[in-house]
Amino acid sequence: MTWPIILVATIVTAFISGIFGMAGGLILMGVLALLLPVSAAMVTHGAIQSVSNGWRAILWRKFIDWRVLGIYLFGSVVAFGLLIGFAFEVSKPWLFVVLGVVPALIWVPKKHLSLDARRPGHAIFCGFAVTGLNIIAGVSGPLLDIFFVADGMDRRIIVATKAATQVAAHAAKIAFYLTPALAGGALSEWQWLLAAAPLAIIGTTLGARVLDLMSDANFRKYTKWIVTGVGLIYVIRGVILLT
């Protein structure tokens, strides 16, 4: 029964991600963490989100800021190079706690943390921090969002460029956790991932249509409240598991 639930979660969260760019991935990671061992959840999440984000990047490819993406990738490679030398896996209770705390980052006032991915130095740090957090916690959307809330950025540029950066972050996560996931045997039914791919594409495509109708103001407002609500649930879940 595990994989049918994952497939339903895939299309629903891909639809949400197609609109908001990150909330769906946060929800999907929580579902996978409930159903699978941590390493398998990381690989499965990375595979599904790579398809979802990749297709979203294709749909909005004319809005991708390629200069920002190129600089971001430099920081991403550095983070992966540093972490690949360590073998670690966060426990499931602490994974939920971290998943729940990460969304709080989007509430940091811009006057206290003025970051802009269009600045080269900020883009490098973005790639380093986002890839590192994605490997440790499985998701990094709220952190990534901090670099894309600068005034004057069109919601379509935000969603398109973030999608492209997340493909790289999820690829790094898959590479990091693939060996322990295979060794644990939790991916023995990997063929289900083939069914998840088209569902991720369908959900993302439908979400993109909704995004096109949404205003920039509503886009930012709804994103904040959705990820905050999901984060609160995760923190409660993690605390319950710890106690």
C-alpha atoms as a PDB file:
ATOM      1  CA  MET A   1       0.000   0.000   0.000  1.00  0.00           C
ATOM      2  CA  THR A   2       3.010   2.305   0.451  1.00  0.00           C
ATOM      3  CA  TRP A   3       3.655   3.164  -3.190  1.00  0.00           C
ATOM      4  CA  PRO A   4       0.022   3.944  -4.183  1.00  0.00           C
ATOM      5  CA  ILE A   5       0.000   6.527  -1.380  1.00  0.00           C
ATOM      6  CA  ILE A   6       3.285   7.943  -2.665  1.00  0.00           C
ATOM      7  CA  LEU A   7       1.885   8.217  -6.201  1.00  0.00           C
ATOM      8  CA  VAL A   8      -1.173  10.151  -4.989  1.00  0.00           C
ATOM      9  CA  ALA A   9       1.082  12.411  -2.935  1.00  0.00           C
ATOM     10  CA  THR A  10       3.289  12.928  -5.988  1.00  0.00           C
ATOM     11  CA  ILE A  11       0.611  14.430  -8.224  1.00  0.00           C
ATOM     12  CA  VAL A  12      -0.939  16.510  -5.435  1.00  0.00           C
ATOM     13  CA  THR A  13       2.367  17.964  -4.250  1.00  0.00           C
ATOM     14  CA  ALA A  14       3.579  18.519  -7.825  1.00  0.00           C
ATOM     15  CA  PHE A  15       0.442  20.600  -8.405  1.00  0.00           C
ATOM     16  CA  ILE A  16       1.197  22.645  -5.272  1.00  0.00           C
ATOM     17  CA  SER A  17       4.839  23.061  -6.305  1.00  0.00           C
ATOM     18  CA  GLY A  18       3.728  24.107  -9.775  1.00  0.00           C
ATOM     19  CA  ILE A  19       1.999  27.066  -8.152  1.00  0.00           C
ATOM     20  CA  PHE A  20       4.248  28.034  -5.258  1.00  0.00           C
ATOM     21  CA  GLY A  21       7.591  26.552  -6.260  1.00  0.00           C
ATOM     22  CA  MET A  22       8.473  24.923  -2.932  1.00  0.00           C
ATOM     23  CA  ALA A  23       5.541  24.011  -0.654  1.00  0.00           C
ATOM     24  CA  GLY A  24       4.821  20.773  -2.505  1.00  0.00           C
ATOM     25  CA  GLY A  25       8.331  19.434  -1.994  1.00  0.00           C
ATOM     26  CA  LEU A  26       8.110  20.116   1.729  1.00  0.00           C
ATOM     27  CA  ILE A  27       4.824  18.206   2.007  1.00  0.00           C
ATOM     28  CA  LEU A  28       6.075  15.299  -0.113  1.00  0.00           C
ATOM     29  CA  MET A  29       9.205  14.913   2.022  1.00  0.00           C
ATOM     30  CA  GLY A  30       7.034  14.572   5.103  1.00  0.00           C
ATOM     31  CA  VAL A  31       4.879  11.892   3.475  1.00  0.00           C
ATOM     32  CA  LEU A  32       7.931   9.918   2.354  1.00  0.00           C
ATOM     33  CA  ALA A  33       9.573  10.205   5.781  1.00  0.00           C
ATOM     34  CA  LEU A  34       6.456   8.639   7.291  1.00  0.00           C
ATOM     35  CA  LEU A  35       6.471   5.695   4.882  1.00  0.00           C
ATOM     36  CA  LEU A  36      10.138   4.951   4.123  1.00  0.00           C
ATOM     37  CA  PRO A  37      13.535   4.765   5.842  1.00  0.00           C
ATOM     38  CA  VAL A  38      15.365   8.102   5.766  1.00  0.00           C
ATOM     39  CA  SER A  39      17.876   7.235   3.001  1.00  0.00           C
ATOM     40  CA  ALA A  40      15.152   5.766   0.765  1.00  0.00           C
ATOM     41  CA  ALA A  41      12.918   8.775   1.437  1.00  0.00           C
ATOM     42  CA  MET A  42      15.749  11.100   0.407  1.00  0.00           C
ATOM     43  CA  VAL A  43      16.410   9.272  -2.871  1.00  0.00           C
ATOM     44  CA  THR A  44      12.719   8.911  -3.729  1.00  0.00           C
ATOM     45  CA  HIS A  45      12.052  12.559  -2.927  1.00  0.00           C
ATOM     46  CA  GLY A  46      15.054  13.612  -4.979  1.00  0.00           C
ATOM     47  CA  ALA A  47      13.963  11.566  -7.995  1.00  0.00           C
ATOM     48  CA  ILE A  48      10.353  12.783  -7.942  1.00  0.00           C
ATOM     49  CA  GLN A  49      11.285  16.390  -7.272  1.00  0.00           C
ATOM     50  CA  SER A  50      13.932  16.345 -10.016  1.00  0.00           C
ATOM     51  CA  VAL A  51      11.206  15.450 -12.508  1.00  0.00           C
ATOM     52  CA  SER A  52       8.751  17.959 -11.051  1.00  0.00           C
ATOM     53  CA  ASN A  53      11.264  20.808 -10.895  1.00  0.00           C
ATOM     54  CA  GLY A  54      12.812  19.856 -14.220  1.00  0.00           C
ATOM     55  CA  TRP A  55       9.480  19.962 -15.990  1.00  0.00           C
ATOM     56  CA  ARG A  56       8.604  23.248 -14.270  1.00  0.00           C
ATOM     57  CA  ALA A  57      11.908  24.691 -15.478  1.00  0.00           C
ATOM     58  CA  ILE A  58      11.083  23.541 -19.018  1.00  0.00           C
ATOM     59  CA  LEU A  59       7.599  25.072 -18.877  1.00  0.00           C
ATOM     60  CA  TRP A  60       8.999  28.431 -17.747  1.00  0.00           C
ATOM     61  CA  ARG A  61      12.391  28.160 -19.479  1.00  0.00           C
ATOM     62  CA  LYS A  62      12.153  31.586 -21.109  1.00  0.00           C
ATOM     63  CA  PHE A  63      12.011  33.130 -17.629  1.00  0.00           C
ATOM     64  CA  ILE A  64      15.085  31.342 -16.181  1.00  0.00           C
ATOM     65  CA  ASP A  65      17.871  33.704 -15.136  1.00  0.00           C
ATOM     66  CA  TRP A  66      20.768  31.694 -16.575  1.00  0.00           C
ATOM     67  CA  ARG A  67      23.439  33.957 -15.093  1.00  0.00           C
ATOM     68  CA  VAL A  68      22.122  33.369 -11.572  1.00  0.00           C
ATOM     69  CA  LEU A  69      21.848  29.627 -12.228  1.00  0.00           C
ATOM     70  CA  GLY A  70      25.445  29.348 -13.426  1.00  0.00           C
ATOM     71  CA  ILE A  71      26.844  31.140 -10.368  1.00  0.00           C
ATOM     72  CA  TYR A  72      24.585  29.116  -8.047  1.00  0.00           C
ATOM     73  CA  LEU A  73      25.950  25.855  -9.456  1.00  0.00           C
ATOM     74  CA  PHE A  74      29.472  26.808  -8.421  1.00  0.00           C
ATOM     75  CA  GLY A  75      28.430  27.046  -4.770  1.00  0.00           C
ATOM     76  CA  SER A  76      26.417  23.844  -5.098  1.00  0.00           C
ATOM     77  CA  VAL A  77      29.416  21.852  -6.316  1.00  0.00           C
ATOM     78  CA  VAL A  78      31.534  23.130  -3.415  1.00  0.00           C
ATOM     79  CA  ALA A  79      28.905  22.049  -0.857  1.00  0.00           C
ATOM     80  CA  PHE A  80      28.587  18.570  -2.358  1.00  0.00           C
ATOM     81  CA  GLY A  81      32.354  18.168  -2.483  1.00  0.00           C
ATOM     82  CA  LEU A  82      32.637  18.963   1.226  1.00  0.00           C
ATOM     83  CA  LEU A  83      29.763  16.748   2.388  1.00  0.00           C
ATOM     84  CA  ILE A  84      30.476  13.685   0.239  1.00  0.00           C
ATOM     85  CA  GLY A  85      33.425  12.865   2.485  1.00  0.00           C
ATOM     86  CA  PHE A  86      31.108  12.323   5.461  1.00  0.00           C
ATOM     87  CA  ALA A  87      28.733   9.401   6.017  1.00  0.00           C
ATOM     88  CA  PHE A  88      25.745  10.496   8.087  1.00  0.00           C
ATOM     89  CA  GLU A  89      21.991  10.104   8.176  1.00  0.00           C
ATOM     90  CA  VAL A  90      19.723  12.171  10.409  1.00  0.00           C
ATOM     91  CA  SER A  91      17.281  10.154  12.546  1.00  0.00           C
ATOM     92  CA  LYS A  92      13.600  10.259  11.580  1.00  0.00           C
ATOM     93  CA  PRO A  93      12.425  12.295  14.641  1.00  0.00           C
ATOM     94  CA  TRP A  94      15.084  14.930  14.087  1.00  0.00           C
ATOM     95  CA  LEU A  95      14.357  14.931  10.358  1.00  0.00           C
ATOM     96  CA  PHE A  96      10.790  16.028  11.112  1.00  0.00           C
ATOM     97  CA  VAL A  97      12.020  18.688  13.543  1.00  0.00           C
ATOM     98  CA  VAL A  98      14.433  20.103  10.952  1.00  0.00           C
ATOM     99  CA  LEU A  99      11.749  19.940   8.248  1.00  0.00           C
ATOM    100  CA  GLY A 100       9.462  21.918  10.534  1.00  0.00           C
ATOM    101  CA  VAL A 101      12.021  24.549  11.484  1.00  0.00           C
ATOM    102  CA  VAL A 102      13.245  25.273   7.941  1.00  0.00           C
ATOM    103  CA  PRO A 103      10.038  27.132   6.875  1.00  0.00           C
ATOM    104  CA  ALA A 104      10.601  29.654   9.686  1.00  0.00           C
ATOM    105  CA  LEU A 105      13.379  31.111   7.527  1.00  0.00           C
ATOM    106  CA  ILE A 106      10.850  32.817   5.255  1.00  0.00           C
ATOM    107  CA  TRP A 107       9.699  35.017   8.177  1.00  0.00           C
ATOM    108  CA  VAL A 108      13.113  36.612   8.649  1.00  0.00           C
ATOM    109  CA  PRO A 109      12.609  40.347   7.943  1.00  0.00           C
ATOM    110  CA  LYS A 110      14.346  41.484   4.788  1.00  0.00           C
ATOM    111  CA  LYS A 111      15.892  44.415   6.653  1.00  0.00           C
ATOM    112  CA  HIS A 112      17.742  41.916   8.879  1.00  0.00           C
ATOM    113  CA  LEU A 113      18.778  39.579   6.077  1.00  0.00           C
ATOM    114  CA  SER A 114      18.911  41.313   2.722  1.00  0.00           C
ATOM    115  CA  LEU A 115      19.905  38.621   0.227  1.00  0.00           C
ATOM    116  CA  ASP A 116      19.529  38.776  -3.527  1.00  0.00           C
ATOM    117  CA  ALA A 117      20.386  35.866  -5.853  1.00  0.00           C
ATOM    118  CA  ARG A 118      21.115  38.378  -8.606  1.00  0.00           C
ATOM    119  CA  ARG A 119      24.300  39.373  -6.740  1.00  0.00           C
ATOM    120  CA  PRO A 120      27.192  37.001  -7.607  1.00  0.00           C
ATOM    121  CA  GLY A 121      28.419  36.560  -4.036  1.00  0.00           C
ATOM    122  CA  HIS A 122      24.897  35.879  -2.793  1.00  0.00           C
ATOM    123  CA  ALA A 123      24.258  33.396  -5.604  1.00  0.00           C
ATOM    124  CA  ILE A 124      27.382  31.391  -4.684  1.00  0.00           C
ATOM    125  CA  PHE A 125      26.373  31.309  -1.018  1.00  0.00           C
ATOM    126  CA  CYS A 126      22.858  30.347  -2.076  1.00  0.00           C
ATOM    127  CA  GLY A 127      24.152  27.335  -4.008  1.00  0.00           C
ATOM    128  CA  PHE A 128      26.376  26.280  -1.117  1.00  0.00           C
ATOM    129  CA  ALA A 129      23.772  26.670   1.648  1.00  0.00           C
ATOM    130  CA  VAL A 130      20.774  25.333  -0.279  1.00  0.00           C
ATOM    131  CA  THR A 131      22.570  22.212  -1.531  1.00  0.00           C
ATOM    132  CA  GLY A 132      23.988  21.544   1.929  1.00  0.00           C
ATOM    133  CA  LEU A 133      20.589  21.877   3.620  1.00  0.00           C
ATOM    134  CA  ASN A 134      18.950  19.751   0.936  1.00  0.00           C
ATOM    135  CA  ILE A 135      21.392  16.916   1.617  1.00  0.00           C
ATOM    136  CA  ILE A 136      20.946  17.150   5.393  1.00  0.00           C
ATOM    137  CA  ALA A 137      17.173  17.758   5.641  1.00  0.00           C
ATOM    138  CA  GLY A 138      15.857  16.714   2.244  1.00  0.00           C
ATOM    139  CA  VAL A 139      14.291  20.099   1.470  1.00  0.00           C
ATOM    140  CA  SER A 140      15.647  23.615   1.122  1.00  0.00           C
ATOM    141  CA  GLY A 141      12.861  25.620  -0.526  1.00  0.00           C
ATOM    142  CA  PRO A 142      12.319  28.106   2.329  1.00  0.00           C
ATOM    143  CA  LEU A 143      16.043  28.868   2.483  1.00  0.00           C
ATOM    144  CA  LEU A 144      16.181  29.234  -1.285  1.00  0.00           C
ATOM    145  CA  ASP A 145      13.211  31.587  -1.139  1.00  0.00           C
ATOM    146  CA  ILE A 146      15.163  34.051   1.007  1.00  0.00           C
ATOM    147  CA  PHE A 147      17.429  34.710  -1.971  1.00  0.00           C
ATOM    148  CA  PHE A 148      14.470  35.263  -4.324  1.00  0.00           C
ATOM    149  CA  VAL A 149      12.283  37.731  -2.415  1.00  0.00           C
ATOM    150  CA  ALA A 150      14.075  40.814  -3.681  1.00  0.00           C
ATOM    151  CA  ASP A 151      11.896  43.615  -4.985  1.00  0.00           C
ATOM    152  CA  GLY A 152      11.345  43.696  -8.719  1.00  0.00           C
ATOM    153  CA  MET A 153      11.546  39.939  -9.334  1.00  0.00           C
ATOM    154  CA  ASP A 154       8.633  38.613 -11.379  1.00  0.00           C
ATOM    155  CA  ARG A 155       6.940  35.524  -9.850  1.00  0.00           C
ATOM    156  CA  ARG A 156       7.604  33.573 -13.081  1.00  0.00           C
ATOM    157  CA  ILE A 157      11.337  34.349 -12.955  1.00  0.00           C
ATOM    158  CA  ILE A 158      11.354  33.273  -9.308  1.00  0.00           C
ATOM    159  CA  VAL A 159       9.584  29.966  -9.966  1.00  0.00           C
ATOM    160  CA  ALA A 160      11.560  29.176 -13.143  1.00  0.00           C
ATOM    161  CA  THR A 161      15.020  29.915 -11.734  1.00  0.00           C
ATOM    162  CA  LYS A 162      14.294  28.216  -8.401  1.00  0.00           C
ATOM    163  CA  ALA A 163      13.113  25.127 -10.268  1.00  0.00           C
ATOM    164  CA  ALA A 164      16.359  24.941 -12.225  1.00  0.00           C
ATOM    165  CA  THR A 165      18.466  25.331  -9.065  1.00  0.00           C
ATOM    166  CA  GLN A 166      16.465  22.638  -7.276  1.00  0.00           C
ATOM    167  CA  VAL A 167      17.163  20.090 -10.009  1.00  0.00           C
ATOM    168  CA  ALA A 168      20.856  20.416  -9.146  1.00  0.00           C
ATOM    169  CA  ALA A 169      20.211  20.264  -5.388  1.00  0.00           C
ATOM    170  CA  HIS A 170      18.101  17.110  -5.682  1.00  0.00           C
ATOM    171  CA  ALA A 171      20.659  15.461  -7.951  1.00  0.00           C
ATOM    172  CA  ALA A 172      23.285  16.027  -5.252  1.00  0.00           C
ATOM    173  CA  LYS A 173      20.950  14.516  -2.649  1.00  0.00           C
ATOM    174  CA  ILE A 174      20.343  11.409  -4.763  1.00  0.00           C
ATOM    175  CA  ALA A 175      24.068  10.911  -5.278  1.00  0.00           C
ATOM    176  CA  PHE A 176      24.684  11.253  -1.537  1.00  0.00           C
ATOM    177  CA  TYR A 177      22.025   8.780  -0.328  1.00  0.00           C
ATOM    178  CA  LEU A 178      21.757   6.288  -3.202  1.00  0.00           C
ATOM    179  CA  THR A 179      24.292   3.749  -1.907  1.00  0.00           C
ATOM    180  CA  PRO A 180      22.852   3.421   1.643  1.00  0.00           C
ATOM    181  CA  ALA A 181      19.308   3.369   0.222  1.00  0.00           C
ATOM    182  CA  LEU A 182      20.127   0.482  -2.098  1.00  0.00           C
ATOM    183  CA  ALA A 183      21.994  -1.343   0.660  1.00  0.00           C
ATOM    184  CA  GLY A 184      18.955  -1.074   2.929  1.00  0.00           C
ATOM    185  CA  GLY A 185      16.697  -2.687   0.337  1.00  0.00           C
ATOM    186  CA  ALA A 186      13.955  -0.069   0.659  1.00  0.00           C
ATOM    187  CA  LEU A 187      14.208   0.759  -3.059  1.00  0.00           C
ATOM    188  CA  SER A 188      13.633  -2.799  -4.253  1.00  0.00           C
ATOM    189  CA  GLU A 189      10.354  -1.614  -5.819  1.00  0.00           C
ATOM    190  CA  TRP A 190      12.045   1.260  -7.648  1.00  0.00           C
ATOM    191  CA  GLN A 191       9.906   0.627 -10.756  1.00  0.00           C
ATOM    192  CA  TRP A 192       7.132   2.578  -9.045  1.00  0.00           C
ATOM    193  CA  LEU A 193       9.247   5.682  -9.612  1.00  0.00           C
ATOM    194  CA  LEU A 194       8.623   5.268 -13.342  1.00  0.00           C
ATOM    195  CA  ALA A 195       4.914   5.777 -12.670  1.00  0.00           C
ATOM    196  CA  ALA A 196       5.634   8.768 -10.438  1.00  0.00           C
ATOM    197  CA  ALA A 197       7.440  10.672 -13.216  1.00  0.00           C
ATOM    198  CA  PRO A 198       4.423  11.353 -15.482  1.00  0.00           C
ATOM    199  CA  LEU A 199       2.266  12.155 -12.439  1.00  0.00           C
ATOM    200  CA  ALA A 200       4.806  14.779 -11.358  1.00  0.00           C
ATOM    201  CA  ILE A 201       4.705  16.284 -14.852  1.00  0.00           C
ATOM    202  CA  ILE A 202       0.885  16.371 -14.924  1.00  0.00           C
ATOM    203  CA  GLY A 203       0.657  17.975 -11.487  1.00  0.00           C
ATOM    204  CA  THR A 204       3.312  20.555 -12.342  1.00  0.00           C
ATOM    205  CA  THR A 205       1.602  21.464 -15.630  1.00  0.00           C
ATOM    206  CA  LEU A 206      -1.759  22.013 -13.918  1.00  0.00           C
ATOM    207  CA  GLY A 207      -0.115  24.076 -11.203  1.00  0.00           C
ATOM    208  CA  ALA A 208       1.605  26.282 -13.783  1.00  0.00           C
ATOM    209  CA  ARG A 209      -1.802  27.267 -15.182  1.00  0.00           C
ATOM    210  CA  VAL A 210      -2.928  28.429 -11.749  1.00  0.00           C
ATOM    211  CA  LEU A 211       0.333  30.341 -11.216  1.00  0.00           C
ATOM    212  CA  ASP A 212      -0.258  32.252 -14.454  1.00  0.00           C
ATOM    213  CA  LEU A 213      -3.541  33.563 -13.042  1.00  0.00           C
ATOM    214  CA  MET A 214      -2.159  34.529  -9.636  1.00  0.00           C
ATOM    215  CA  SER A 215      -0.850  37.960  -8.663  1.00  0.00           C
ATOM    216  CA  ASP A 216       2.656  38.441  -7.254  1.00  0.00           C
ATOM    217  CA  ALA A 217       1.201  39.615  -3.921  1.00  0.00           C
ATOM    218  CA  ASN A 218      -1.015  36.548  -3.474  1.00  0.00           C
ATOM    219  CA  PHE A 219       1.829  34.288  -4.575  1.00  0.00           C
ATOM    220  CA  ARG A 220       4.062  35.491  -1.741  1.00  0.00           C
ATOM    221  CA  LYS A 221       1.278  35.604   0.868  1.00  0.00           C
ATOM    222  CA  TYR A 222      -0.062  32.089   0.275  1.00  0.00           C
ATOM    223  CA  THR A 223       3.433  30.602   0.047  1.00  0.00           C
ATOM    224  CA  LYS A 224       4.321  31.932   3.495  1.00  0.00           C
ATOM    225  CA  TRP A 225       1.245  30.619   5.248  1.00  0.00           C
ATOM    226  CA  ILE A 226       1.202  27.209   3.579  1.00  0.00           C
ATOM    227  CA  VAL A 227       4.814  26.321   4.369  1.00  0.00           C
ATOM    228  CA  THR A 228       4.471  27.721   7.892  1.00  0.00           C
ATOM    229  CA  GLY A 229       1.429  25.532   8.603  1.00  0.00           C
ATOM    230  CA  VAL A 230       3.151  22.442   7.234  1.00  0.00           C
ATOM    231  CA  GLY A 231       6.291  23.249   9.228  1.00  0.00           C
ATOM    232  CA  LEU A 232       4.323  23.493  12.480  1.00  0.00           C
ATOM    233  CA  ILE A 233       2.820  20.047  11.878  1.00  0.00           C
ATOM    234  CA  TYR A 234       6.272  18.593  11.261  1.00  0.00           C
ATOM    235  CA  VAL A 235       7.734  20.060  14.449  1.00  0.00           C
ATOM    236  CA  ILE A 236       4.872  18.583  16.472  1.00  0.00           C
ATOM    237  CA  ARG A 237       5.378  15.210  14.768  1.00  0.00           C
ATOM    238  CA  GLY A 238       9.115  15.268  15.477  1.00  0.00           C
ATOM    239  CA  VAL A 239       8.627  16.183  19.135  1.00  0.00           C
ATOM    240  CA  ILE A 240       6.094  13.366  19.560  1.00  0.00           C
ATOM    241  CA  LEU A 241       8.565  10.858  18.078  1.00  0.00           C
ATOM    242  CA  LEU A 242      11.345  12.130  20.322  1.00  0.00           C
ATOM    243  CA  THR A 243       9.245  11.823  23.470  1.00  0.00           C
END
